Amino acid sequence: MIDAKRLLDELVGSGVAGGLAGGLAGGTLAGLLSGKKGKKARKLAGSAVKLGGVALVGGLAYKAWQTYQQGQQPGAPTAIEPPPRGSAFLPAPGDPQGDTALGVLLARAMIAAAKADGRIDVQESQTILNRINDLALPDEDKAFLFEKYGRPLDIAGLAATVATPEQAAEVYTASMLMVDPPSPPERIYLDALASALGLDGALAGQIEAMVAASRAG
């Protein structure tokens, strides 16, 4: 079984990778998959570096959700905090299967978003796969990455695995963490993903603004 927590931490650049979104410029797995190692990225604010991948994504999605529900204008949170356990943004305490399922879902979303630009040719893709093989990850994690990265983009398939509106917000948040800012093909992908997830346009906008403000913070 894959270590979903470790894999998601690696994807968002925290935990084993060290440095949250700032790691996207330093050759972490997220930068490797998206081919954007040289792209400038900013560290997320506050105590987010201590949260880990699932809690970071959930915290951003939860804050954007609250702001959307209250009809407020988006702004950078002073500190990113994990959502309450059992709030539908995180599984209830003592639910390791729920934690794993959510981690896998968010990892799938990030891998898909990493490929959405469509500018990586066959040779570059093979180089990426070779570098994945060299990463200090368990064989199960590498096999997961090989399989998901090698699959064609399937927005409908990804959306079909989302069980709740809160998960939909988290999937969109995880996807936004991979684009900074979105290129035209990535913008098309994000719009199609939001539609497939059934996200209200205002909520999607809140998520985008929250991620962008947190990066800048």
C-alpha atoms as a PDB file:
ATOM      1  CA  MET A   1       0.000   0.000   0.000  1.00  0.00           C
ATOM      2  CA  ILE A   2       1.306   3.441  -0.857  1.00  0.00           C
ATOM      3  CA  ASP A   3       2.193   5.915   1.876  1.00  0.00           C
ATOM      4  CA  ALA A   4      -0.353   8.541   0.830  1.00  0.00           C
ATOM      5  CA  LYS A   5       0.711  11.025   3.512  1.00  0.00           C
ATOM      6  CA  ARG A   6       4.370  10.940   2.547  1.00  0.00           C
ATOM      7  CA  LEU A   7       3.572  11.110  -1.148  1.00  0.00           C
ATOM      8  CA  LEU A   8       1.297  14.111  -0.762  1.00  0.00           C
ATOM      9  CA  ASP A   9       3.852  15.828   1.473  1.00  0.00           C
ATOM     10  CA  GLU A  10       6.379  15.324  -1.308  1.00  0.00           C
ATOM     11  CA  LEU A  11       3.999  16.690  -3.919  1.00  0.00           C
ATOM     12  CA  VAL A  12       3.237  19.888  -2.044  1.00  0.00           C
ATOM     13  CA  GLY A  13       6.900  20.323  -1.175  1.00  0.00           C
ATOM     14  CA  SER A  14       6.512  19.957   2.576  1.00  0.00           C
ATOM     15  CA  GLY A  15       7.553  17.270   5.013  1.00  0.00           C
ATOM     16  CA  VAL A  16      10.209  15.118   3.350  1.00  0.00           C
ATOM     17  CA  ALA A  17      10.780  17.687   0.623  1.00  0.00           C
ATOM     18  CA  GLY A  18      11.111  20.658   2.962  1.00  0.00           C
ATOM     19  CA  GLY A  19       9.677  24.050   2.150  1.00  0.00           C
ATOM     20  CA  LEU A  20       6.075  23.852   0.936  1.00  0.00           C
ATOM     21  CA  ALA A  21       5.336  25.655  -2.306  1.00  0.00           C
ATOM     22  CA  GLY A  22       8.776  27.250  -2.221  1.00  0.00           C
ATOM     23  CA  GLY A  23      10.084  23.804  -3.015  1.00  0.00           C
ATOM     24  CA  LEU A  24       8.508  23.925  -6.450  1.00  0.00           C
ATOM     25  CA  ALA A  25      11.491  25.942  -7.633  1.00  0.00           C
ATOM     26  CA  GLY A  26      13.992  23.568  -6.096  1.00  0.00           C
ATOM     27  CA  GLY A  27      13.443  20.276  -7.829  1.00  0.00           C
ATOM     28  CA  THR A  28      10.832  18.669  -5.584  1.00  0.00           C
ATOM     29  CA  LEU A  29       8.471  16.100  -7.007  1.00  0.00           C
ATOM     30  CA  ALA A  30       5.841  18.695  -7.906  1.00  0.00           C
ATOM     31  CA  GLY A  31       8.345  20.712  -9.903  1.00  0.00           C
ATOM     32  CA  LEU A  32       9.705  17.564 -11.497  1.00  0.00           C
ATOM     33  CA  LEU A  33       6.295  16.350 -12.646  1.00  0.00           C
ATOM     34  CA  SER A  34       5.225  19.708 -14.044  1.00  0.00           C
ATOM     35  CA  GLY A  35       8.550  20.563 -15.621  1.00  0.00           C
ATOM     36  CA  LYS A  36       8.590  23.932 -13.808  1.00  0.00           C
ATOM     37  CA  LYS A  37      11.684  23.606 -11.641  1.00  0.00           C
ATOM     38  CA  GLY A  38      12.933  27.009 -12.731  1.00  0.00           C
ATOM     39  CA  LYS A  39       9.675  28.794 -12.131  1.00  0.00           C
ATOM     40  CA  LYS A  40       9.601  31.259  -9.275  1.00  0.00           C
ATOM     41  CA  ALA A  41       7.468  30.073  -6.371  1.00  0.00           C
ATOM     42  CA  ARG A  42       6.762  31.582  -2.986  1.00  0.00           C
ATOM     43  CA  LYS A  43       6.567  29.901   0.341  1.00  0.00           C
ATOM     44  CA  LEU A  44       3.159  29.759   1.941  1.00  0.00           C
ATOM     45  CA  ALA A  45       2.741  31.824   5.061  1.00  0.00           C
ATOM     46  CA  GLY A  46       2.620  31.082   8.762  1.00  0.00           C
ATOM     47  CA  SER A  47       2.820  27.630  10.279  1.00  0.00           C
ATOM     48  CA  ALA A  48       1.787  25.769   7.117  1.00  0.00           C
ATOM     49  CA  VAL A  49       5.225  24.221   6.755  1.00  0.00           C
ATOM     50  CA  LYS A  50       4.426  22.131   9.838  1.00  0.00           C
ATOM     51  CA  LEU A  51       1.043  20.873   8.678  1.00  0.00           C
ATOM     52  CA  GLY A  52       1.783  18.339   5.961  1.00  0.00           C
ATOM     53  CA  GLY A  53       0.088  17.928   2.607  1.00  0.00           C
ATOM     54  CA  VAL A  54      -3.437  16.831   3.490  1.00  0.00           C
ATOM     55  CA  ALA A  55      -3.870  19.404   6.262  1.00  0.00           C
ATOM     56  CA  LEU A  56      -2.396  22.176   4.110  1.00  0.00           C
ATOM     57  CA  VAL A  57      -4.766  21.516   1.211  1.00  0.00           C
ATOM     58  CA  GLY A  58      -7.681  21.050   3.575  1.00  0.00           C
ATOM     59  CA  GLY A  59      -6.855  24.236   5.467  1.00  0.00           C
ATOM     60  CA  LEU A  60      -6.762  26.358   2.324  1.00  0.00           C
ATOM     61  CA  ALA A  61      -9.968  24.794   0.988  1.00  0.00           C
ATOM     62  CA  TYR A  62     -11.720  25.211   4.349  1.00  0.00           C
ATOM     63  CA  LYS A  63     -10.767  28.880   4.618  1.00  0.00           C
ATOM     64  CA  ALA A  64     -11.880  29.570   1.050  1.00  0.00           C
ATOM     65  CA  TRP A  65     -15.148  27.704   1.736  1.00  0.00           C
ATOM     66  CA  GLN A  66     -15.844  29.795   4.835  1.00  0.00           C
ATOM     67  CA  THR A  67     -15.095  33.023   2.985  1.00  0.00           C
ATOM     68  CA  TYR A  68     -17.378  31.952   0.140  1.00  0.00           C
ATOM     69  CA  GLN A  69     -20.198  30.988   2.495  1.00  0.00           C
ATOM     70  CA  GLN A  70     -19.959  34.336   4.292  1.00  0.00           C
ATOM     71  CA  GLY A  71     -19.875  36.325   1.061  1.00  0.00           C
ATOM     72  CA  GLN A  72     -16.586  37.950   1.986  1.00  0.00           C
ATOM     73  CA  GLN A  73     -13.755  39.111  -0.231  1.00  0.00           C
ATOM     74  CA  PRO A  74     -10.757  36.753  -0.275  1.00  0.00           C
ATOM     75  CA  GLY A  75      -7.623  37.657   1.570  1.00  0.00           C
ATOM     76  CA  ALA A  76      -4.465  35.986   2.814  1.00  0.00           C
ATOM     77  CA  PRO A  77      -4.986  34.086   6.072  1.00  0.00           C
ATOM     78  CA  THR A  78      -2.665  35.199   8.856  1.00  0.00           C
ATOM     79  CA  ALA A  79      -1.848  31.532   9.411  1.00  0.00           C
ATOM     80  CA  ILE A  80      -2.999  28.413   7.638  1.00  0.00           C
ATOM     81  CA  GLU A  81      -4.627  26.041  10.079  1.00  0.00           C
ATOM     82  CA  PRO A  82      -5.924  22.525   9.426  1.00  0.00           C
ATOM     83  CA  PRO A  83      -9.702  22.191   9.246  1.00  0.00           C
ATOM     84  CA  PRO A  84     -11.454  20.548  12.181  1.00  0.00           C
ATOM     85  CA  ARG A  85     -11.403  16.776  12.138  1.00  0.00           C
ATOM     86  CA  GLY A  86     -14.741  15.394  11.021  1.00  0.00           C
ATOM     87  CA  SER A  87     -15.664  18.674   9.288  1.00  0.00           C
ATOM     88  CA  ALA A  88     -15.908  16.889   5.894  1.00  0.00           C
ATOM     89  CA  PHE A  89     -12.573  18.464   4.966  1.00  0.00           C
ATOM     90  CA  LEU A  90     -10.660  15.894   7.022  1.00  0.00           C
ATOM     91  CA  PRO A  91     -11.707  12.376   8.031  1.00  0.00           C
ATOM     92  CA  ALA A  92     -12.792  11.805  11.592  1.00  0.00           C
ATOM     93  CA  PRO A  93     -10.094  10.934  14.149  1.00  0.00           C
ATOM     94  CA  GLY A  94      -9.099   7.298  14.081  1.00  0.00           C
ATOM     95  CA  ASP A  95      -9.976   6.794  10.406  1.00  0.00           C
ATOM     96  CA  PRO A  96      -6.694   5.793   8.730  1.00  0.00           C
ATOM     97  CA  GLN A  97      -8.516   4.449   5.684  1.00  0.00           C
ATOM     98  CA  GLY A  98     -10.195   7.824   5.217  1.00  0.00           C
ATOM     99  CA  ASP A  99      -6.846   9.583   5.551  1.00  0.00           C
ATOM    100  CA  THR A 100      -5.306   7.315   2.928  1.00  0.00           C
ATOM    101  CA  ALA A 101      -8.225   7.688   0.514  1.00  0.00           C
ATOM    102  CA  LEU A 102      -8.136  11.487   0.761  1.00  0.00           C
ATOM    103  CA  GLY A 103      -4.362  11.566   0.339  1.00  0.00           C
ATOM    104  CA  VAL A 104      -4.574   9.401  -2.779  1.00  0.00           C
ATOM    105  CA  LEU A 105      -7.365  11.551  -4.232  1.00  0.00           C
ATOM    106  CA  LEU A 106      -5.425  14.783  -3.710  1.00  0.00           C
ATOM    107  CA  ALA A 107      -2.227  13.233  -5.084  1.00  0.00           C
ATOM    108  CA  ARG A 108      -4.130  12.184  -8.212  1.00  0.00           C
ATOM    109  CA  ALA A 109      -5.452  15.722  -8.584  1.00  0.00           C
ATOM    110  CA  MET A 110      -1.978  17.227  -8.319  1.00  0.00           C
ATOM    111  CA  ILE A 111      -0.439  14.779 -10.794  1.00  0.00           C
ATOM    112  CA  ALA A 112      -3.214  15.528 -13.293  1.00  0.00           C
ATOM    113  CA  ALA A 113      -2.752  19.285 -12.896  1.00  0.00           C
ATOM    114  CA  ALA A 114       0.996  18.877 -13.376  1.00  0.00           C
ATOM    115  CA  LYS A 115       0.344  17.428 -16.837  1.00  0.00           C
ATOM    116  CA  ALA A 116      -2.341  19.912 -17.863  1.00  0.00           C
ATOM    117  CA  ASP A 117       0.021  22.326 -19.584  1.00  0.00           C
ATOM    118  CA  GLY A 118       0.768  19.703 -22.240  1.00  0.00           C
ATOM    119  CA  ARG A 119       4.194  21.106 -23.102  1.00  0.00           C
ATOM    120  CA  ILE A 120       6.300  18.145 -21.963  1.00  0.00           C
ATOM    121  CA  ASP A 121       7.363  16.054 -24.960  1.00  0.00           C
ATOM    122  CA  VAL A 122       8.050  12.314 -25.014  1.00  0.00           C
ATOM    123  CA  GLN A 123      11.742  12.668 -24.264  1.00  0.00           C
ATOM    124  CA  GLU A 124      11.116  15.003 -21.336  1.00  0.00           C
ATOM    125  CA  SER A 125       8.420  12.685 -20.041  1.00  0.00           C
ATOM    126  CA  GLN A 126      10.822   9.745 -20.120  1.00  0.00           C
ATOM    127  CA  THR A 127      13.408  11.821 -18.280  1.00  0.00           C
ATOM    128  CA  ILE A 128      10.830  12.603 -15.602  1.00  0.00           C
ATOM    129  CA  LEU A 129       9.940   8.934 -15.231  1.00  0.00           C
ATOM    130  CA  ASN A 130      13.629   8.052 -14.915  1.00  0.00           C
ATOM    131  CA  ARG A 131      14.078  10.678 -12.208  1.00  0.00           C
ATOM    132  CA  ILE A 132      11.019   9.397 -10.348  1.00  0.00           C
ATOM    133  CA  ASN A 133      12.711   6.018 -10.314  1.00  0.00           C
ATOM    134  CA  ASP A 134      15.757   7.602  -8.642  1.00  0.00           C
ATOM    135  CA  LEU A 135      13.730   9.251  -5.857  1.00  0.00           C
ATOM    136  CA  ALA A 136      14.065   7.981  -2.302  1.00  0.00           C
ATOM    137  CA  LEU A 137      10.484   6.731  -2.231  1.00  0.00           C
ATOM    138  CA  PRO A 138       9.094   3.264  -1.516  1.00  0.00           C
ATOM    139  CA  ASP A 139       8.523   1.064  -4.567  1.00  0.00           C
ATOM    140  CA  GLU A 140       4.746   1.234  -4.046  1.00  0.00           C
ATOM    141  CA  ASP A 141       4.825   5.037  -4.210  1.00  0.00           C
ATOM    142  CA  LYS A 142       6.934   4.984  -7.361  1.00  0.00           C
ATOM    143  CA  ALA A 143       4.562   2.496  -8.991  1.00  0.00           C
ATOM    144  CA  PHE A 144       1.624   4.782  -8.152  1.00  0.00           C
ATOM    145  CA  LEU A 145       3.409   7.769  -9.710  1.00  0.00           C
ATOM    146  CA  PHE A 146       4.381   5.806 -12.824  1.00  0.00           C
ATOM    147  CA  GLU A 147       0.809   4.652 -13.331  1.00  0.00           C
ATOM    148  CA  LYS A 148      -0.919   7.976 -12.700  1.00  0.00           C
ATOM    149  CA  TYR A 149       1.619  10.055 -14.590  1.00  0.00           C
ATOM    150  CA  GLY A 150       1.446   7.721 -17.594  1.00  0.00           C
ATOM    151  CA  ARG A 151      -2.336   7.879 -17.872  1.00  0.00           C
ATOM    152  CA  PRO A 152      -4.110  10.332 -20.201  1.00  0.00           C
ATOM    153  CA  LEU A 153      -5.860  13.228 -18.511  1.00  0.00           C
ATOM    154  CA  ASP A 154      -9.312  12.108 -17.356  1.00  0.00           C
ATOM    155  CA  ILE A 155     -11.201  14.946 -15.718  1.00  0.00           C
ATOM    156  CA  ALA A 156     -14.480  13.040 -15.611  1.00  0.00           C
ATOM    157  CA  GLY A 157     -12.797  10.036 -14.010  1.00  0.00           C
ATOM    158  CA  LEU A 158     -11.164  12.176 -11.346  1.00  0.00           C
ATOM    159  CA  ALA A 159     -14.388  14.042 -10.583  1.00  0.00           C
ATOM    160  CA  ALA A 160     -16.303  10.763 -10.330  1.00  0.00           C
ATOM    161  CA  THR A 161     -14.206   9.718  -7.329  1.00  0.00           C
ATOM    162  CA  VAL A 162     -15.082  12.871  -5.370  1.00  0.00           C
ATOM    163  CA  ALA A 163     -17.696  12.075  -2.751  1.00  0.00           C
ATOM    164  CA  THR A 164     -18.653  15.465  -1.300  1.00  0.00           C
ATOM    165  CA  PRO A 165     -18.679  19.181  -2.172  1.00  0.00           C
ATOM    166  CA  GLU A 166     -15.952  19.679   0.429  1.00  0.00           C
ATOM    167  CA  GLN A 167     -13.749  17.122  -1.304  1.00  0.00           C
ATOM    168  CA  ALA A 168     -14.431  18.885  -4.585  1.00  0.00           C
ATOM    169  CA  ALA A 169     -13.078  22.095  -3.068  1.00  0.00           C
ATOM    170  CA  GLU A 170      -9.984  20.243  -1.845  1.00  0.00           C
ATOM    171  CA  VAL A 171      -9.347  18.661  -5.247  1.00  0.00           C
ATOM    172  CA  TYR A 172      -9.533  22.085  -6.879  1.00  0.00           C
ATOM    173  CA  THR A 173      -7.241  23.536  -4.208  1.00  0.00           C
ATOM    174  CA  ALA A 174      -4.681  20.769  -4.714  1.00  0.00           C
ATOM    175  CA  SER A 175      -4.781  21.398  -8.456  1.00  0.00           C
ATOM    176  CA  MET A 176      -4.233  25.133  -7.972  1.00  0.00           C
ATOM    177  CA  LEU A 177      -1.082  24.429  -5.952  1.00  0.00           C
ATOM    178  CA  MET A 178       0.484  23.015  -9.125  1.00  0.00           C
ATOM    179  CA  VAL A 179       0.010  26.125 -11.293  1.00  0.00           C
ATOM    180  CA  ASP A 180       1.529  29.520 -10.519  1.00  0.00           C
ATOM    181  CA  PRO A 181      -0.097  31.239 -12.339  1.00  0.00           C
ATOM    182  CA  PRO A 182      -2.019  29.000 -14.769  1.00  0.00           C
ATOM    183  CA  SER A 183      -0.892  28.969 -18.381  1.00  0.00           C
ATOM    184  CA  PRO A 184      -3.655  29.109 -21.039  1.00  0.00           C
ATOM    185  CA  PRO A 185      -3.864  25.285 -21.305  1.00  0.00           C
ATOM    186  CA  GLU A 186      -3.885  25.006 -17.515  1.00  0.00           C
ATOM    187  CA  ARG A 187      -6.652  27.616 -17.359  1.00  0.00           C
ATOM    188  CA  ILE A 188      -8.734  25.519 -19.730  1.00  0.00           C
ATOM    189  CA  TYR A 189      -8.058  22.448 -17.590  1.00  0.00           C
ATOM    190  CA  LEU A 190      -9.003  24.207 -14.353  1.00  0.00           C
ATOM    191  CA  ASP A 191     -12.239  25.541 -15.818  1.00  0.00           C
ATOM    192  CA  ALA A 192     -13.161  22.072 -17.075  1.00  0.00           C
ATOM    193  CA  LEU A 193     -12.256  20.557 -13.694  1.00  0.00           C
ATOM    194  CA  ALA A 194     -14.381  23.082 -11.793  1.00  0.00           C
ATOM    195  CA  SER A 195     -17.302  22.301 -14.077  1.00  0.00           C
ATOM    196  CA  ALA A 196     -16.891  18.531 -13.669  1.00  0.00           C
ATOM    197  CA  LEU A 197     -16.666  18.935  -9.895  1.00  0.00           C
ATOM    198  CA  GLY A 198     -19.814  21.067  -9.832  1.00  0.00           C
ATOM    199  CA  LEU A 199     -17.999  23.948  -8.154  1.00  0.00           C
ATOM    200  CA  ASP A 200     -19.758  27.281  -8.138  1.00  0.00           C
ATOM    201  CA  GLY A 201     -17.696  29.848 -10.024  1.00  0.00           C
ATOM    202  CA  ALA A 202     -17.534  32.111  -6.997  1.00  0.00           C
ATOM    203  CA  LEU A 203     -16.155  29.288  -4.826  1.00  0.00           C
ATOM    204  CA  ALA A 204     -13.566  28.378  -7.451  1.00  0.00           C
ATOM    205  CA  GLY A 205     -12.558  32.033  -7.540  1.00  0.00           C
ATOM    206  CA  GLN A 206     -12.249  32.118  -3.752  1.00  0.00           C
ATOM    207  CA  ILE A 207      -9.980  29.065  -3.834  1.00  0.00           C
ATOM    208  CA  GLU A 208      -7.780  30.590  -6.514  1.00  0.00           C
ATOM    209  CA  ALA A 209      -7.551  33.872  -4.640  1.00  0.00           C
ATOM    210  CA  MET A 210      -6.794  32.102  -1.350  1.00  0.00           C
ATOM    211  CA  VAL A 211      -3.975  30.051  -2.872  1.00  0.00           C
ATOM    212  CA  ALA A 212      -2.522  33.075  -4.639  1.00  0.00           C
ATOM    213  CA  ALA A 213      -2.721  35.256  -1.522  1.00  0.00           C
ATOM    214  CA  SER A 214      -1.140  32.544   0.595  1.00  0.00           C
ATOM    215  CA  ARG A 215       1.739  32.177  -1.844  1.00  0.00           C
ATOM    216  CA  ALA A 216       2.316  35.923  -1.819  1.00  0.00           C
ATOM    217  CA  GLY A 217       2.124  35.994   1.959  1.00  0.00           C
END
